[in-house]
C-alpha atoms as a PDB file:
ATOM      1  CA  MET A   1      -0.200   0.079   0.107  1.00  0.00           C
ATOM      2  CA  GLN A   2       3.126   2.993   1.163  1.00  0.00           C
ATOM      3  CA  MET A   3       4.659   1.816  -2.739  1.00  0.00           C
ATOM      4  CA  SER A   4       1.256   2.716  -4.296  1.00  0.00           C
ATOM      5  CA  TYR A   5       1.089   5.694  -2.730  1.00  0.00           C
ATOM      6  CA  TYR A   6       4.940   6.776  -3.242  1.00  0.00           C
ATOM      7  CA  VAL A   7       4.508   6.768  -7.181  1.00  0.00           C
ATOM      8  CA  PRO A   8       2.223   8.982  -7.914  1.00  0.00           C
ATOM      9  CA  VAL A   9       3.791  11.659  -5.578  1.00  0.00           C
ATOM     10  CA  VAL A  10       7.111  10.568  -7.763  1.00  0.00           C
ATOM     11  CA  VAL A  11       5.475  10.656 -10.980  1.00  0.00           C
ATOM     12  CA  LEU A  12       3.725  14.521  -9.883  1.00  0.00           C
ATOM     13  CA  VAL A  13       6.881  15.851  -8.719  1.00  0.00           C
ATOM     14  CA  VAL A  14       8.345  15.115 -11.678  1.00  0.00           C
ATOM     15  CA  VAL A  15       6.161  16.629 -13.911  1.00  0.00           C
ATOM     16  CA  PHE A  16       6.503  19.531 -11.520  1.00  0.00           C
ATOM     17  CA  LEU A  17      10.112  20.058 -12.132  1.00  0.00           C
ATOM     18  CA  ALA A  18      10.083  19.129 -15.599  1.00  0.00           C
ATOM     19  CA  ALA A  19       7.632  21.901 -16.021  1.00  0.00           C
ATOM     20  CA  ALA A  20       9.685  24.489 -14.031  1.00  0.00           C
ATOM     21  CA  ILE A  21      12.957  24.385 -15.049  1.00  0.00           C
ATOM     22  CA  ARG A  22      14.486  25.555 -18.290  1.00  0.00           C
ATOM     23  CA  VAL A  23      18.613  25.188 -19.507  1.00  0.00           C
ATOM     24  CA  LEU A  24      19.170  28.328 -21.608  1.00  0.00           C
ATOM     25  CA  ARG A  25      22.235  28.093 -23.459  1.00  0.00           C
ATOM     26  CA  GLU A  26      24.762  31.271 -23.527  1.00  0.00           C
ATOM     27  CA  TYR A  27      23.104  33.054 -27.049  1.00  0.00           C
ATOM     28  CA  GLU A  28      19.457  32.199 -25.367  1.00  0.00           C
ATOM     29  CA  ARG A  29      17.251  34.215 -23.935  1.00  0.00           C
ATOM     30  CA  GLY A  30      13.583  33.001 -22.112  1.00  0.00           C
ATOM     31  CA  VAL A  31      10.882  35.689 -22.851  1.00  0.00           C
ATOM     32  CA  VAL A  32       8.684  35.208 -19.406  1.00  0.00           C
ATOM     33  CA  PHE A  33       4.896  35.338 -19.240  1.00  0.00           C
ATOM     34  CA  THR A  34       3.404  35.642 -16.104  1.00  0.00           C
ATOM     35  CA  LEU A  35      -0.250  34.303 -16.462  1.00  0.00           C
ATOM     36  CA  GLY A  36      -0.069  36.492 -19.633  1.00  0.00           C
ATOM     37  CA  ARG A  37       1.921  39.678 -19.221  1.00  0.00           C
ATOM     38  CA  PHE A  38       5.685  39.739 -19.809  1.00  0.00           C
ATOM     39  CA  THR A  39       7.102  39.475 -16.748  1.00  0.00           C
ATOM     40  CA  GLY A  40      11.226  39.656 -18.042  1.00  0.00           C
ATOM     41  CA  VAL A  41      13.859  38.666 -20.034  1.00  0.00           C
ATOM     42  CA  SER A  42      15.488  35.126 -18.270  1.00  0.00           C
ATOM     43  CA  GLY A  43      18.966  33.838 -19.123  1.00  0.00           C
ATOM     44  CA  PRO A  44      21.093  32.467 -19.911  1.00  0.00           C
ATOM     45  CA  GLY A  45      21.880  29.284 -17.396  1.00  0.00           C
ATOM     46  CA  LEU A  46      19.125  27.886 -15.142  1.00  0.00           C
ATOM     47  CA  ILE A  47      16.183  28.988 -15.432  1.00  0.00           C
ATOM     48  CA  ILE A  48      13.150  27.935 -12.374  1.00  0.00           C
ATOM     49  CA  LEU A  49       9.213  28.689 -13.569  1.00  0.00           C
ATOM     50  CA  VAL A  50       5.857  28.432 -12.028  1.00  0.00           C
ATOM     51  CA  PRO A  51       4.152  25.086 -13.984  1.00  0.00           C
ATOM     52  CA  PHE A  52       1.140  26.692 -15.037  1.00  0.00           C
ATOM     53  CA  ILE A  53       1.527  29.953 -14.338  1.00  0.00           C
ATOM     54  CA  GLN A  54       4.707  31.223 -16.404  1.00  0.00           C
ATOM     55  CA  GLN A  55       5.051  30.126 -19.200  1.00  0.00           C
ATOM     56  CA  MET A  56       8.284  31.100 -21.796  1.00  0.00           C
ATOM     57  CA  VAL A  57       9.451  32.035 -25.266  1.00  0.00           C
ATOM     58  CA  ARG A  58      12.793  30.829 -26.371  1.00  0.00           C
ATOM     59  CA  ILE A  59      14.442  33.177 -28.648  1.00  0.00           C
ATOM     60  CA  ASP A  60      18.171  32.978 -30.495  1.00  0.00           C
ATOM     61  CA  LEU A  61      20.058  36.212 -30.349  1.00  0.00           C
ATOM     62  CA  ARG A  62      22.738  34.321 -32.878  1.00  0.00           C
ATOM     63  CA  THR A  63      23.248  36.297 -36.176  1.00  0.00           C
ATOM     64  CA  VAL A  64      20.440  35.193 -39.329  1.00  0.00           C
ATOM     65  CA  VAL A  65      21.479  34.904 -42.334  1.00  0.00           C
ATOM     66  CA  LEU A  66      18.742  34.945 -44.693  1.00  0.00           C
ATOM     67  CA  ASP A  67      18.406  35.005 -48.556  1.00  0.00           C
ATOM     68  CA  VAL A  68      16.131  37.379 -50.124  1.00  0.00           C
ATOM     69  CA  PRO A  69      14.544  35.362 -53.148  1.00  0.00           C
ATOM     70  CA  SER A  70      15.159  37.019 -56.755  1.00  0.00           C
ATOM     71  CA  GLN A  71      12.740  40.358 -57.160  1.00  0.00           C
ATOM     72  CA  ASP A  72      11.769  41.522 -60.498  1.00  0.00           C
ATOM     73  CA  VAL A  73      12.860  45.158 -60.773  1.00  0.00           C
ATOM     74  CA  ILE A  74      12.652  47.484 -63.149  1.00  0.00           C
ATOM     75  CA  SER A  75      15.162  50.070 -63.617  1.00  0.00           C
ATOM     76  CA  ARG A  76      14.607  54.302 -63.608  1.00  0.00           C
ATOM     77  CA  ASP A  77      15.533  54.188 -67.033  1.00  0.00           C
ATOM     78  CA  ASN A  78      12.996  50.682 -67.659  1.00  0.00           C
ATOM     79  CA  VAL A  79      15.581  48.144 -67.865  1.00  0.00           C
ATOM     80  CA  SER A  80      13.579  44.984 -66.265  1.00  0.00           C
ATOM     81  CA  VAL A  81      16.377  42.977 -64.020  1.00  0.00           C
ATOM     82  CA  LYS A  82      15.762  40.187 -61.598  1.00  0.00           C
ATOM     83  CA  VAL A  83      18.319  40.939 -58.310  1.00  0.00           C
ATOM     84  CA  ASN A  84      18.454  38.422 -54.864  1.00  0.00           C
ATOM     85  CA  ALA A  85      20.198  39.692 -52.600  1.00  0.00           C
ATOM     86  CA  VAL A  86      21.290  38.300 -48.518  1.00  0.00           C
ATOM     87  CA  LEU A  87      20.400  39.607 -45.192  1.00  0.00           C
ATOM     88  CA  TYR A  88      22.550  39.713 -42.291  1.00  0.00           C
ATOM     89  CA  PHE A  89      20.067  40.273 -38.595  1.00  0.00           C
ATOM     90  CA  ARG A  90      19.970  39.540 -35.562  1.00  0.00           C
ATOM     91  CA  VAL A  91      17.269  40.374 -32.685  1.00  0.00           C
ATOM     92  CA  VAL A  92      18.786  42.875 -29.738  1.00  0.00           C
ATOM     93  CA  ASP A  93      15.844  43.268 -27.855  1.00  0.00           C
ATOM     94  CA  PRO A  94      13.972  39.936 -27.128  1.00  0.00           C
ATOM     95  CA  GLU A  95      10.824  41.470 -25.482  1.00  0.00           C
ATOM     96  CA  LYS A  96      10.076  43.171 -28.696  1.00  0.00           C
ATOM     97  CA  ALA A  97      10.705  41.061 -31.304  1.00  0.00           C
ATOM     98  CA  ILE A  98       8.163  38.319 -29.229  1.00  0.00           C
ATOM     99  CA  VAL A  99       5.635  40.816 -28.358  1.00  0.00           C
ATOM    100  CA  GLN A 100       6.150  43.530 -31.385  1.00  0.00           C
ATOM    101  CA  VAL A 101       5.588  40.776 -34.641  1.00  0.00           C
ATOM    102  CA  ALA A 102       4.160  37.817 -34.920  1.00  0.00           C
ATOM    103  CA  ASP A 103       7.179  36.090 -37.042  1.00  0.00           C
ATOM    104  CA  TYR A 104      10.070  38.506 -37.102  1.00  0.00           C
ATOM    105  CA  LEU A 105      11.961  36.151 -39.382  1.00  0.00           C
ATOM    106  CA  ALA A 106       8.840  36.600 -41.645  1.00  0.00           C
ATOM    107  CA  ALA A 107       8.578  40.045 -41.050  1.00  0.00           C
ATOM    108  CA  THR A 108      11.907  41.117 -41.546  1.00  0.00           C
ATOM    109  CA  GLY A 109      11.999  39.178 -45.130  1.00  0.00           C
ATOM    110  CA  GLN A 110       8.851  39.995 -46.703  1.00  0.00           C
ATOM    111  CA  LEU A 111       9.819  44.294 -45.424  1.00  0.00           C
ATOM    112  CA  ALA A 112      13.971  42.825 -47.306  1.00  0.00           C
ATOM    113  CA  GLN A 113      11.878  41.898 -50.472  1.00  0.00           C
ATOM    114  CA  THR A 114       9.756  45.058 -50.769  1.00  0.00           C
ATOM    115  CA  THR A 115      12.348  47.761 -49.189  1.00  0.00           C
ATOM    116  CA  LEU A 116      15.061  45.471 -52.371  1.00  0.00           C
ATOM    117  CA  ARG A 117      12.334  46.565 -55.275  1.00  0.00           C
ATOM    118  CA  SER A 118      11.667  49.864 -53.592  1.00  0.00           C
ATOM    119  CA  VAL A 119      15.102  51.325 -53.235  1.00  0.00           C
ATOM    120  CA  LEU A 120      16.842  49.637 -56.901  1.00  0.00           C
ATOM    121  CA  GLY A 121      13.711  51.131 -58.376  1.00  0.00           C
ATOM    122  CA  LYS A 122      14.729  54.391 -57.872  1.00  0.00           C
ATOM    123  CA  HIS A 123      18.162  53.540 -60.144  1.00  0.00           C
ATOM    124  CA  ASP A 124      19.377  53.177 -63.122  1.00  0.00           C
ATOM    125  CA  LEU A 125      20.980  50.268 -64.938  1.00  0.00           C
ATOM    126  CA  ASP A 126      24.555  51.433 -64.656  1.00  0.00           C
ATOM    127  CA  GLU A 127      24.516  52.351 -61.176  1.00  0.00           C
ATOM    128  CA  MET A 128      22.516  48.532 -60.335  1.00  0.00           C
ATOM    129  CA  LEU A 129      25.990  47.612 -61.795  1.00  0.00           C
ATOM    130  CA  SER A 130      29.098  49.974 -60.753  1.00  0.00           C
ATOM    131  CA  GLU A 131      27.175  51.741 -57.079  1.00  0.00           C
ATOM    132  CA  ARG A 132      26.486  48.293 -55.124  1.00  0.00           C
ATOM    133  CA  ASP A 133      28.096  49.324 -52.811  1.00  0.00           C
ATOM    134  CA  LYS A 134      26.607  52.237 -51.999  1.00  0.00           C
ATOM    135  CA  LEU A 135      22.647  50.759 -52.803  1.00  0.00           C
ATOM    136  CA  ASN A 136      23.092  47.859 -50.063  1.00  0.00           C
ATOM    137  CA  HIS A 137      24.567  50.639 -47.568  1.00  0.00           C
ATOM    138  CA  ASP A 138      20.883  52.573 -48.561  1.00  0.00           C
ATOM    139  CA  ILE A 139      18.966  49.355 -48.396  1.00  0.00           C
ATOM    140  CA  GLN A 140      20.411  48.414 -45.071  1.00  0.00           C
ATOM    141  CA  GLU A 141      19.736  52.018 -43.789  1.00  0.00           C
ATOM    142  CA  ILE A 142      16.030  51.725 -44.588  1.00  0.00           C
ATOM    143  CA  LEU A 143      15.706  47.896 -43.150  1.00  0.00           C
ATOM    144  CA  ASP A 144      17.619  48.948 -39.727  1.00  0.00           C
ATOM    145  CA  THR A 145      14.865  51.902 -39.159  1.00  0.00           C
ATOM    146  CA  GLN A 146      11.833  50.297 -39.634  1.00  0.00           C
ATOM    147  CA  THR A 147      13.150  46.865 -37.618  1.00  0.00           C
ATOM    148  CA  ASP A 148      14.240  48.342 -34.922  1.00  0.00           C
ATOM    149  CA  ALA A 149      10.256  48.656 -33.288  1.00  0.00           C
ATOM    150  CA  TRP A 150      10.863  44.703 -33.492  1.00  0.00           C
ATOM    151  CA  GLY A 151      13.802  44.854 -32.128  1.00  0.00           C
ATOM    152  CA  ILE A 152      15.862  43.798 -35.042  1.00  0.00           C
ATOM    153  CA  LYS A 153      19.124  44.976 -35.927  1.00  0.00           C
ATOM    154  CA  VAL A 154      20.318  44.535 -39.501  1.00  0.00           C
ATOM    155  CA  ALA A 155      23.868  44.591 -39.684  1.00  0.00           C
ATOM    156  CA  ASN A 156      24.469  44.259 -43.758  1.00  0.00           C
ATOM    157  CA  VAL A 157      22.916  43.220 -46.958  1.00  0.00           C
ATOM    158  CA  GLU A 158      24.926  42.036 -50.351  1.00  0.00           C
ATOM    159  CA  ILE A 159      23.377  42.209 -53.385  1.00  0.00           C
ATOM    160  CA  LYS A 160      23.930  38.640 -54.828  1.00  0.00           C
ATOM    161  CA  HIS A 161      23.044  38.555 -58.077  1.00  0.00           C
ATOM    162  CA  VAL A 162      22.087  41.459 -60.954  1.00  0.00           C
ATOM    163  CA  ASP A 163      20.657  39.036 -63.642  1.00  0.00           C
ATOM    164  CA  ILE A 164      19.733  40.764 -67.527  1.00  0.00           C
ATOM    165  CA  SER A 165      18.356  39.388 -69.906  1.00  0.00           C
ATOM    166  CA  GLU A 166      20.296  38.186 -72.717  1.00  0.00           C
ATOM    167  CA  SER A 167      19.387  41.066 -75.876  1.00  0.00           C
ATOM    168  CA  MET A 168      20.509  43.334 -72.679  1.00  0.00           C
ATOM    169  CA  ILE A 169      23.607  42.449 -72.494  1.00  0.00           C
ATOM    170  CA  ARG A 170      23.797  42.928 -75.906  1.00  0.00           C
ATOM    171  CA  VAL A 171      22.974  45.948 -75.707  1.00  0.00           C
ATOM    172  CA  ILE A 172      25.082  46.975 -72.865  1.00  0.00           C
ATOM    173  CA  ALA A 173      27.899  45.605 -75.195  1.00  0.00           C
ATOM    174  CA  ARG A 174      27.451  47.330 -78.169  1.00  0.00           C
ATOM    175  CA  GLN A 175      27.259  50.560 -75.774  1.00  0.00           C
ATOM    176  CA  ALA A 176      30.643  49.495 -74.104  1.00  0.00           C
ATOM    177  CA  GLU A 177      32.419  49.182 -77.983  1.00  0.00           C
ATOM    178  CA  ALA A 178      30.633  52.732 -78.956  1.00  0.00           C
ATOM    179  CA  GLU A 179      32.215  54.181 -76.051  1.00  0.00           C
ATOM    180  CA  ARG A 180      35.092  52.905 -76.337  1.00  0.00           C
ATOM    181  CA  GLU A 181      35.786  54.401 -80.303  1.00  0.00           C
ATOM    182  CA  ARG A 182      34.664  57.525 -78.601  1.00  0.00           C
ATOM    183  CA  ARG A 183      37.973  57.588 -76.764  1.00  0.00           C
ATOM    184  CA  ALA A 184      40.362  56.380 -79.083  1.00  0.00           C
ATOM    185  CA  LYS A 185      39.082  59.040 -81.406  1.00  0.00           C
ATOM    186  CA  VAL A 186      39.136  62.167 -77.975  1.00  0.00           C
ATOM    187  CA  ILE A 187      42.833  60.692 -77.694  1.00  0.00           C
ATOM    188  CA  ASN A 188      43.757  61.011 -81.724  1.00  0.00           C
ATOM    189  CA  ALA A 189      41.965  64.752 -81.733  1.00  0.00           C
ATOM    190  CA  GLU A 190      44.185  65.344 -78.205  1.00  0.00           C
ATOM    191  CA  GLY A 191      47.171  63.832 -80.068  1.00  0.00           C
ATOM    192  CA  GLU A 192      46.918  65.864 -83.444  1.00  0.00           C
ATOM    193  CA  LEU A 193      45.415  68.893 -81.300  1.00  0.00           C
ATOM    194  CA  GLN A 194      49.102  68.398 -78.632  1.00  0.00           C
ATOM    195  CA  ALA A 195      51.322  67.702 -81.961  1.00  0.00           C
ATOM    196  CA  ALA A 196      49.618  70.932 -84.206  1.00  0.00           C
ATOM    197  CA  GLN A 197      50.997  73.036 -81.264  1.00  0.00           C
ATOM    198  CA  LYS A 198      53.978  72.022 -81.063  1.00  0.00           C
ATOM    199  CA  LEU A 199      55.188  72.633 -84.810  1.00  0.00           C
ATOM    200  CA  LEU A 200      53.278  75.768 -84.475  1.00  0.00           C
ATOM    201  CA  GLU A 201      55.683  76.681 -81.526  1.00  0.00           C
ATOM    202  CA  ALA A 202      58.740  75.610 -83.591  1.00  0.00           C
ATOM    203  CA  ALA A 203      57.605  77.308 -86.727  1.00  0.00           C
ATOM    204  CA  GLU A 204      57.801  80.563 -84.336  1.00  0.00           C
ATOM    205  CA  ILE A 205      60.881  80.363 -83.308  1.00  0.00           C
ATOM    206  CA  MET A 206      62.448  79.052 -86.506  1.00  0.00           C
ATOM    207  CA  SER A 207      60.972  82.280 -88.128  1.00  0.00           C
ATOM    208  CA  GLY A 208      63.004  83.986 -85.803  1.00  0.00           C
ATOM    209  CA  ARG A 209      65.961  82.876 -86.075  1.00  0.00           C
ATOM    210  CA  PRO A 210      67.127  82.176 -89.663  1.00  0.00           C
ATOM    211  CA  GLU A 211      70.576  79.921 -88.361  1.00  0.00           C
ATOM    212  CA  ALA A 212      67.230  77.774 -86.532  1.00  0.00           C
ATOM    213  CA  MET A 213      66.115  77.056 -90.018  1.00  0.00           C
ATOM    214  CA  GLN A 214      69.505  76.508 -91.597  1.00  0.00           C
ATOM    215  CA  LEU A 215      70.542  73.732 -88.738  1.00  0.00           C
ATOM    216  CA  ARG A 216      67.149  72.228 -89.679  1.00  0.00           C
ATOM    217  CA  TYR A 217      67.755  72.019 -93.587  1.00  0.00           C
ATOM    218  CA  LEU A 218      71.435  70.274 -92.745  1.00  0.00           C
ATOM    219  CA  SER A 219      69.722  67.581 -90.672  1.00  0.00           C
ATOM    220  CA  THR A 220      67.100  66.768 -93.108  1.00  0.00           C
ATOM    221  CA  LEU A 221      69.702  66.246 -95.740  1.00  0.00           C
ATOM    222  CA  ALA A 222      71.947  64.381 -93.406  1.00  0.00           C
ATOM    223  CA  SER A 223      69.180  61.991 -92.623  1.00  0.00           C
ATOM    224  CA  ILE A 224      67.946  61.570 -96.613  1.00  0.00           C
ATOM    225  CA  GLY A 225      71.969  60.461 -97.055  1.00  0.00           C
ATOM    226  CA  ALA A 226      72.063  57.647 -93.988  1.00  0.00           C
ATOM    227  CA  GLN A 227      69.031  56.218 -96.209  1.00  0.00           C
ATOM    228  CA  ASN A 228      69.372  53.715 -99.088  1.00  0.00           C
ATOM    229  CA  SER A 229      67.579  54.922-101.841  1.00  0.00           C
ATOM    230  CA  SER A 230      68.571  55.280-105.241  1.00  0.00           C
ATOM    231  CA  THR A 231      66.340  58.368-105.189  1.00  0.00           C
ATOM    232  CA  ILE A 232      67.601  61.267-103.126  1.00  0.00           C
ATOM    233  CA  VAL A 233      64.989  64.898-103.201  1.00  0.00           C
ATOM    234  CA  PHE A 234      66.918  67.673-101.488  1.00  0.00           C
ATOM    235  CA  PRO A 235      64.382  70.039-100.077  1.00  0.00           C
ATOM    236  CA  PHE A 236      65.106  73.606-101.127  1.00  0.00           C
ATOM    237  CA  PRO A 237      64.965  76.772 -99.077  1.00  0.00           C
ATOM    238  CA  LEU A 238      62.059  79.025 -99.346  1.00  0.00           C
ATOM    239  CA  ASP A 239      63.940  81.930 -99.270  1.00  0.00           C
ATOM    240  CA  MET A 240      66.909  81.471-101.583  1.00  0.00           C
ATOM    241  CA  ILE A 241      63.457  80.665-104.249  1.00  0.00           C
ATOM    242  CA  ARG A 242      62.789  84.724-102.721  1.00  0.00           C
ATOM    243  CA  ASN A 243      65.440  85.926-103.762  1.00  0.00           C
ATOM    244  CA  LEU A 244      66.279  84.437-107.560  1.00  0.00           C
ATOM    245  CA  THR A 245      62.199  85.517-108.329  1.00  0.00           C
ATOM    246  CA  ASP A 246      63.808  89.193-106.595  1.00  0.00           C
ATOM    247  CA  LYS A 247      65.776  89.173-109.087  1.00  0.00           C
ATOM    248  CA  LEU A 248      64.680  88.243-111.820  1.00  0.00           C
ATOM    249  CA  GLY A 249      62.131  90.459-111.521  1.00  0.00           C
ATOM    250  CA  LYS A 250      63.763  93.601-111.750  1.00  0.00           C
ATOM    251  CA  PRO A 251      64.952  95.219-114.933  1.00  0.00           C
END
C-alpha cells in the first residue's frame, strides 16, 4: 500500500520539475509571461518557472543569414532585371521581437523583399552594376530603421546577383564598344592638337632665328643621306627661291 501511494507522488514531482526547470544556452534568452503578462527576459543558464502560471518563449540572439529570393525590378531607365540579395540581422531586444511582431523572421524577410524592389527601382541599370556598395548601404539603413520597432538589428545587406536578359547584354556590349571608340577618337584628336601646337611653336622659333632653319635643313640632308635609296630629294630653301624671283623680276 505504501509503495503504491508514493508512485503518484514521485510522478507528480517529476512532472512539476520538468515544467518548472529550463536551461538556456549562452546565445539564448527566455521571454517570460506570467498569467499572460510579460514579466521579464531571463537567461542564460538555469531558469525556474512556476508551472501552469508562467510560460517562456525561447529566442536566439545569434546572427541570422536570410536569403532574399530573386525580385523582378524595373530600373529607372525602364530595364527589367532580376535581383537577389542576402540579409544579415540579429535580435537585440527579445521582448520586442516576441511581443511586437508575430513572426519576426517572416516579417523581416518580406520587408527586405519590398525594400529591395523599392530602392533599386529608383536607380539606373548602370548604377545597379557599378554602385553596389552604395545600394547595399541604402537598403541596410532603411531596413534597420523599420525593424528597430521589432527589436531587430540589420547588420548588413549584400546584393548577390543582377540578372539581365540576353538582348540587354548585347545592348550593353555595343554601348561599351561605342564608348571605347569614342575615347579612342578623343585621344587621337588630343594628340593631333598637341602635335599642331608643337609645330606652331617650332615654326615661330625658326621664323625668328634664320640659323635655326639652316640647321634644320642640314639635319634633313643628313637624314636623307643615311637612307639606302636610289632617289634623293633635296629640299630647296624658300628664301633662295624668294631671292631668285626678286632678281628675275628686276628690269
